[in-house]
Amino acid sequence: MSTDTHLLVVDDDDRIRDLLQKYLSREGHNVTTAKDAAAARKLFNTFSFDLAILDIMMPGEDGLSLLKALREDGDQTPVLLLTARGQASDRIEGLKHGADDYLPKPFEPEELSLRAAAILRRSHVPPPPGDIEMSGLVFDVAKGVLTDGKQHIRLTESELQLLRLLARVPGEPVRREALAAEASTGTERSIDVQVTRLRRKIEPDPKNPIHIQTVRGVGYRLMPD
């Protein structure tokens, strides 16, 4: 996800705010934090956010009340709720009032990041990508066709699916877990296999790839010419 995504984290726990700000910033997001609903309201009046992460249990006005007020005011910012484990009634109430997802505490930052990314994918409809050129090859993303001049290069359905996923954000790293979650094959190991096969068809030197690059500890990215 690119740094044009602006996230708001609202939680009265200093440690959680600091943890999420550091973790989500490393994931490529702009992150603003607030310690309570009153501070969050001021921020909503000043900024436009791509996602708000709201803790339900806060002193003063709680996260559910803030969510209800946002929706009543017509604010459709996507919301991920942080809930106390076992509080099913709060989660149901939150979903009724327009929350997009919830995550019980305690949670793993990686799971929160993946849930946030899924919400952002659903709420952001990117413009149709144009053709992508790679060392003399042209990939028509809309049609799903890879050509070398006038000659079509055959891709399996799995290879085409993976190439399209990477082509949605050229130049940006995409996590292996995210690719596996959206691909029909559904495993990280199968993603690695498809990457190897794609490189044989696309790269001038598959052993030293320049277009489908490995991003260590993250996943892969597609680099056009």
Protein backbone atom coordinates (compact mmCIF):
# COMPACT_ATOMS: atom_id res chain seq x y z
CA MET A 1 0.00 0.00 0.00
CA SER A 2 1.42 3.39 -0.93
CA THR A 3 2.01 6.30 1.42
CA ASP A 4 -1.05 8.18 0.13
CA THR A 5 -3.17 6.15 2.58
CA HIS A 6 -3.93 8.12 5.76
CA LEU A 7 -4.94 6.08 8.81
CA LEU A 8 -6.29 7.29 12.16
CA VAL A 9 -5.66 5.23 15.31
CA VAL A 10 -7.87 6.12 18.30
CA ASP A 11 -6.97 4.37 21.57
CA ASP A 12 -6.47 5.57 25.16
CA ASP A 13 -3.58 3.11 25.65
CA ASP A 14 -0.32 4.92 24.86
CA ARG A 15 1.50 1.65 24.16
CA ILE A 16 -1.03 0.49 21.59
CA ARG A 17 -1.05 3.88 19.84
CA ASP A 18 2.73 3.95 19.63
CA LEU A 19 2.94 0.32 18.50
CA LEU A 20 0.39 0.75 15.73
CA GLN A 21 1.85 4.05 14.58
CA LYS A 22 5.30 2.50 14.20
CA TYR A 23 4.09 -0.76 12.67
CA LEU A 24 1.62 0.74 10.19
CA SER A 25 4.10 3.45 9.21
CA ARG A 26 6.63 0.74 8.34
CA GLU A 27 3.90 -0.84 6.22
CA GLY A 28 3.78 2.35 4.15
CA HIS A 29 0.83 4.25 5.64
CA ASN A 30 0.61 7.79 6.97
CA VAL A 31 -0.61 7.38 10.54
CA THR A 32 -2.22 9.93 12.86
CA THR A 33 -3.20 9.04 16.43
CA ALA A 34 -5.70 10.30 19.00
CA LYS A 35 -6.02 9.37 22.68
CA ASP A 36 -9.80 9.76 22.92
CA ALA A 37 -12.97 10.45 20.96
CA ALA A 38 -12.80 14.21 21.57
CA ALA A 39 -9.38 14.46 19.95
CA ALA A 40 -10.55 12.18 17.13
CA ARG A 41 -13.54 14.42 16.39
CA LYS A 42 -11.23 17.41 15.89
CA LEU A 43 -9.06 15.37 13.53
CA PHE A 44 -12.09 14.21 11.52
CA ASN A 45 -13.02 17.88 11.07
CA THR A 46 -9.54 18.65 9.74
CA PHE A 47 -8.42 15.62 7.75
CA SER A 48 -9.85 13.02 5.42
CA PHE A 49 -8.87 9.49 6.46
CA ASP A 50 -8.80 6.30 4.41
CA LEU A 51 -9.38 4.16 7.52
CA ALA A 52 -10.07 4.76 11.21
CA ILE A 53 -9.05 2.18 13.81
CA LEU A 54 -11.26 2.78 16.88
CA ASP A 55 -10.97 1.22 20.31
CA ILE A 56 -14.42 0.63 21.78
CA MET A 57 -13.46 0.77 25.47
CA MET A 58 -12.26 4.33 26.09
CA PRO A 59 -12.94 6.68 29.00
CA GLY A 60 -15.46 9.40 28.25
CA GLU A 61 -17.10 8.84 24.88
CA ASP A 62 -16.48 5.28 23.73
CA GLY A 63 -15.67 4.05 20.23
CA LEU A 64 -19.22 2.86 19.50
CA SER A 65 -20.66 6.29 20.28
CA LEU A 66 -18.04 7.92 18.06
CA LEU A 67 -18.83 5.50 15.23
CA LYS A 68 -22.57 6.19 15.50
CA ALA A 69 -21.95 9.96 15.43
CA LEU A 70 -19.73 9.66 12.35
CA ARG A 71 -22.35 7.70 10.44
CA GLU A 72 -25.16 10.03 11.52
CA ASP A 73 -23.09 12.95 10.18
CA GLY A 74 -22.73 11.16 6.86
CA ASP A 75 -19.03 10.34 7.33
CA GLN A 76 -18.37 7.06 5.52
CA THR A 77 -14.72 6.62 6.55
CA PRO A 78 -14.08 2.86 6.79
CA VAL A 79 -13.76 1.75 10.44
CA LEU A 80 -11.95 -1.17 12.07
CA LEU A 81 -13.04 -1.65 15.69
CA LEU A 82 -10.78 -2.92 18.47
CA THR A 83 -12.92 -4.84 20.94
CA ALA A 84 -12.45 -6.57 24.29
CA ARG A 85 -12.31 -10.33 23.81
CA GLY A 86 -15.70 -11.93 24.36
CA GLN A 87 -17.73 -8.75 23.93
CA ALA A 88 -19.88 -10.13 21.12
CA SER A 89 -22.63 -7.59 21.78
CA ASP A 90 -20.24 -4.69 21.13
CA ARG A 91 -19.03 -6.27 17.90
CA ILE A 92 -22.59 -6.83 16.67
CA GLU A 93 -23.57 -3.30 17.63
CA GLY A 94 -20.53 -1.92 15.81
CA LEU A 95 -21.31 -3.81 12.62
CA LYS A 96 -24.93 -2.63 12.77
CA HIS A 97 -23.72 0.96 12.87
CA GLY A 98 -21.41 0.66 9.91
CA ALA A 99 -18.10 -0.76 11.12
CA ASP A 100 -16.24 -2.60 8.37
CA ASP A 101 -14.49 -5.15 10.59
CA TYR A 102 -13.45 -5.79 14.18
CA LEU A 103 -10.45 -7.29 15.94
CA PRO A 104 -10.47 -8.58 19.54
CA LYS A 105 -7.72 -7.55 21.94
CA PRO A 106 -5.04 -8.69 22.43
CA PHE A 107 -4.09 -8.88 18.76
CA GLU A 108 -1.04 -9.35 16.56
CA PRO A 109 -0.04 -6.16 14.68
CA GLU A 110 0.40 -8.22 11.51
CA GLU A 111 -3.20 -9.43 11.63
CA LEU A 112 -4.43 -5.87 12.15
CA SER A 113 -2.34 -4.73 9.19
CA LEU A 114 -3.77 -7.46 6.96
CA ARG A 115 -7.34 -6.65 8.02
CA ALA A 116 -6.70 -2.96 7.38
CA ALA A 117 -5.27 -3.74 3.93
CA ALA A 118 -8.36 -5.82 3.09
CA ILE A 119 -10.66 -2.94 4.07
CA LEU A 120 -8.60 -0.49 2.03
CA ARG A 121 -8.76 -2.78 -1.02
CA ARG A 122 -12.54 -2.96 -0.75
CA SER A 123 -12.97 0.78 -0.25
CA HIS A 124 -10.50 1.94 -2.89
CA VAL A 125 -11.41 1.27 -6.50
CA PRO A 126 -8.22 2.02 -8.43
CA PRO A 127 -8.36 3.40 -11.98
CA PRO A 128 -7.91 0.78 -14.67
CA PRO A 129 -4.15 0.29 -15.17
CA GLY A 130 -2.69 0.85 -18.60
CA ASP A 131 -0.28 -1.36 -20.50
CA ILE A 132 2.86 -2.44 -18.66
CA GLU A 133 6.10 -2.77 -20.64
CA MET A 134 8.85 -5.16 -19.57
CA SER A 135 11.97 -5.61 -21.70
CA GLY A 136 10.09 -5.63 -25.00
CA LEU A 137 7.03 -7.43 -23.65
CA VAL A 138 3.70 -5.65 -23.20
CA PHE A 139 1.09 -6.73 -20.65
CA ASP A 140 -2.43 -5.46 -21.34
CA VAL A 141 -3.83 -5.56 -17.81
CA ALA A 142 -7.45 -5.02 -18.80
CA LYS A 143 -7.45 -7.81 -21.39
CA GLY A 144 -5.04 -10.06 -19.51
CA VAL A 145 -2.82 -10.48 -22.56
CA LEU A 146 0.99 -10.63 -22.63
CA THR A 147 2.59 -10.04 -26.03
CA ASP A 148 6.04 -9.95 -27.55
CA GLY A 149 5.42 -7.64 -30.48
CA LYS A 150 2.47 -9.32 -32.20
CA GLN A 151 3.09 -12.74 -30.69
CA HIS A 152 0.97 -13.76 -27.69
CA ILE A 153 2.80 -15.36 -24.79
CA ARG A 154 0.66 -18.03 -23.19
CA LEU A 155 0.02 -17.67 -19.46
CA THR A 156 -1.72 -20.21 -17.28
CA GLU A 157 -4.72 -18.96 -15.31
CA SER A 158 -2.65 -18.93 -12.11
CA GLU A 159 0.19 -17.00 -13.76
CA LEU A 160 -2.22 -14.47 -15.22
CA GLN A 161 -3.96 -14.02 -11.88
CA LEU A 162 -0.65 -13.37 -10.11
CA LEU A 163 0.58 -10.96 -12.77
CA ARG A 164 -2.66 -8.99 -12.55
CA LEU A 165 -2.40 -8.77 -8.76
CA LEU A 166 1.14 -7.38 -8.99
CA ALA A 167 0.19 -5.07 -11.88
CA ARG A 168 -2.46 -3.33 -9.78
CA VAL A 169 0.32 -1.51 -7.91
CA PRO A 170 3.40 -1.45 -10.18
CA GLY A 171 6.53 -0.57 -8.26
CA GLU A 172 4.88 -1.30 -4.91
CA PRO A 173 5.70 -4.40 -2.82
CA VAL A 174 2.82 -6.82 -2.25
CA ARG A 175 2.93 -9.18 0.72
CA ARG A 176 3.08 -12.91 -0.02
CA GLU A 177 0.21 -13.44 2.42
CA ALA A 178 -1.94 -10.93 0.53
CA LEU A 179 -1.15 -12.56 -2.81
CA ALA A 180 -1.98 -15.99 -1.41
CA ALA A 181 -5.23 -14.70 0.08
CA GLU A 182 -6.45 -13.35 -3.28
CA ALA A 183 -5.08 -16.04 -5.57
CA SER A 184 -7.16 -19.12 -6.30
CA THR A 185 -4.23 -21.40 -5.39
CA GLY A 186 -4.33 -19.92 -1.90
CA THR A 187 -0.89 -20.79 -0.47
CA GLU A 188 2.32 -18.81 -0.16
CA ARG A 189 4.32 -21.75 -1.52
CA SER A 190 2.18 -21.82 -4.68
CA ILE A 191 2.81 -18.07 -5.13
CA ASP A 192 6.57 -18.73 -5.09
CA VAL A 193 6.14 -21.43 -7.73
CA GLN A 194 4.07 -19.14 -9.98
CA VAL A 195 6.64 -16.36 -9.61
CA THR A 196 9.39 -18.73 -10.77
CA ARG A 197 7.32 -19.74 -13.81
CA LEU A 198 6.43 -16.15 -14.67
CA ARG A 199 10.07 -15.11 -14.52
CA ARG A 200 10.92 -17.76 -17.11
CA LYS A 201 8.43 -16.15 -19.49
CA ILE A 202 9.12 -12.48 -18.73
CA GLU A 203 12.67 -11.94 -17.50
CA PRO A 204 15.62 -11.58 -19.89
CA ASP A 205 17.59 -13.52 -17.23
CA PRO A 206 15.23 -15.41 -14.90
CA LYS A 207 18.05 -16.04 -12.40
CA ASN A 208 18.59 -12.28 -12.05
CA PRO A 209 15.06 -10.86 -12.27
CA ILE A 210 14.56 -7.15 -12.89
CA HIS A 211 10.78 -7.06 -13.40
CA ILE A 212 9.34 -9.45 -10.81
CA GLN A 213 11.53 -8.61 -7.85
CA THR A 214 11.69 -10.29 -4.46
CA VAL A 215 11.26 -7.88 -1.56
CA ARG A 216 12.97 -9.61 1.33
CA GLY A 217 10.71 -10.25 4.30
CA VAL A 218 7.66 -8.89 2.46
CA GLY A 219 6.84 -10.50 -0.88
CA TYR A 220 7.15 -9.36 -4.50
CA ARG A 221 6.80 -6.29 -6.65
CA LEU A 222 6.40 -5.73 -10.39
CA MET A 223 8.84 -3.23 -11.90
CA PRO A 224 8.00 -2.07 -15.43
CA ASP A 225 10.62 -0.53 -17.73
